[in-house]
Amino acid sequence: MPDDPPLRAADPDDFRRSLAFALTFDGRRQFKTSGEMMAQITAEHLARHLEMSGYVIMKRPPGPGHKTPG
C-alpha cells in the first residue's frame, strides 16, 4: 500500500449520487422495484445521517488517464 495515492475527503454530492446509483442499479441492470426519485431521497437521508453521526467518507484521487496509441 505504500504506492497508493493519499485519500481525500469525498465530495458530498458525489457520495449522494453514488448512493442513489447503488440503490437504483445492480451492476448495469436497473432494479425493477426501485424508482429513481425514491433512491435519491433515500441517498439524501443516508448521507445526512452519516454526516451528522461524524462519518467522513474518503476517496482516492482519479487515476492517470489512458495513453493513446501512436
Protein backbone atom coordinates (compact mmCIF):
# COMPACT_ATOMS: atom_id res chain seq x y z
CA MET A 1 0.00 0.00 0.00
CA PRO A 2 2.90 2.47 0.12
CA ASP A 3 2.35 3.32 -3.58
CA ASP A 4 -1.33 4.16 -3.06
CA PRO A 5 -2.15 7.84 -3.58
CA PRO A 6 -3.31 9.72 -0.47
CA LEU A 7 -7.00 9.78 0.32
CA ARG A 8 -9.01 12.98 0.30
CA ALA A 9 -12.45 13.84 1.59
CA ALA A 10 -15.14 12.84 -0.90
CA ASP A 11 -17.48 15.44 -2.34
CA PRO A 12 -20.84 15.07 -0.51
CA ASP A 13 -22.83 15.44 -3.74
CA ASP A 14 -20.70 12.77 -5.43
CA PHE A 15 -21.31 10.49 -2.44
CA ARG A 16 -25.08 11.05 -2.63
CA ARG A 17 -25.11 10.32 -6.37
CA SER A 18 -23.13 7.12 -5.75
CA LEU A 19 -25.60 6.02 -3.08
CA ALA A 20 -28.56 6.78 -5.35
CA PHE A 21 -26.95 4.82 -8.19
CA ALA A 22 -26.33 1.84 -5.88
CA LEU A 23 -29.97 1.96 -4.77
CA THR A 24 -31.19 2.11 -8.37
CA PHE A 25 -28.89 -0.31 -10.20
CA ASP A 26 -27.44 -3.79 -9.63
CA GLY A 27 -24.31 -3.62 -11.71
CA ARG A 28 -25.62 -2.48 -15.08
CA ARG A 29 -29.18 -3.72 -14.59
CA GLN A 30 -31.78 -1.39 -13.17
CA PHE A 31 -33.79 -2.70 -10.26
CA LYS A 32 -37.41 -3.17 -11.31
CA THR A 33 -38.83 -2.18 -7.92
CA SER A 34 -36.66 0.87 -7.29
CA GLY A 35 -37.71 4.28 -8.50
CA GLU A 36 -35.04 6.86 -9.25
CA MET A 37 -36.75 9.52 -7.13
CA MET A 38 -37.01 7.19 -4.13
CA ALA A 39 -33.35 6.25 -4.50
CA GLN A 40 -32.36 9.94 -4.46
CA ILE A 41 -34.49 10.63 -1.37
CA THR A 42 -33.02 7.60 0.42
CA ALA A 43 -29.47 8.58 -0.55
CA GLU A 44 -30.01 12.11 0.79
CA HIS A 45 -31.34 10.71 4.07
CA LEU A 46 -28.46 8.23 4.48
CA ALA A 47 -25.79 10.79 3.61
CA ARG A 48 -27.26 13.37 6.01
CA HIS A 49 -27.44 10.81 8.82
CA LEU A 50 -23.85 9.63 8.27
CA GLU A 51 -22.62 13.24 8.20
CA MET A 52 -24.47 14.11 11.44
CA SER A 53 -23.03 10.96 13.05
CA GLY A 54 -19.49 12.15 12.35
CA TYR A 55 -18.58 9.84 9.48
CA VAL A 56 -16.07 11.08 6.92
CA ILE A 57 -16.15 9.44 3.51
CA MET A 58 -12.73 9.30 1.83
CA LYS A 59 -11.95 8.89 -1.85
CA ARG A 60 -8.82 8.19 -3.85
CA PRO A 61 -7.85 10.81 -6.42
CA PRO A 62 -8.61 9.88 -10.02
CA GLY A 63 -6.09 7.59 -11.66
CA PRO A 64 -3.94 8.60 -14.61
CA GLY A 65 -5.68 8.82 -17.96
CA HIS A 66 -5.25 6.22 -20.66
CA LYS A 67 -2.39 6.74 -23.07
CA THR A 68 -3.37 6.98 -26.70
CA PRO A 69 -1.51 4.59 -29.00
CA GLY A 70 0.85 6.01 -31.55
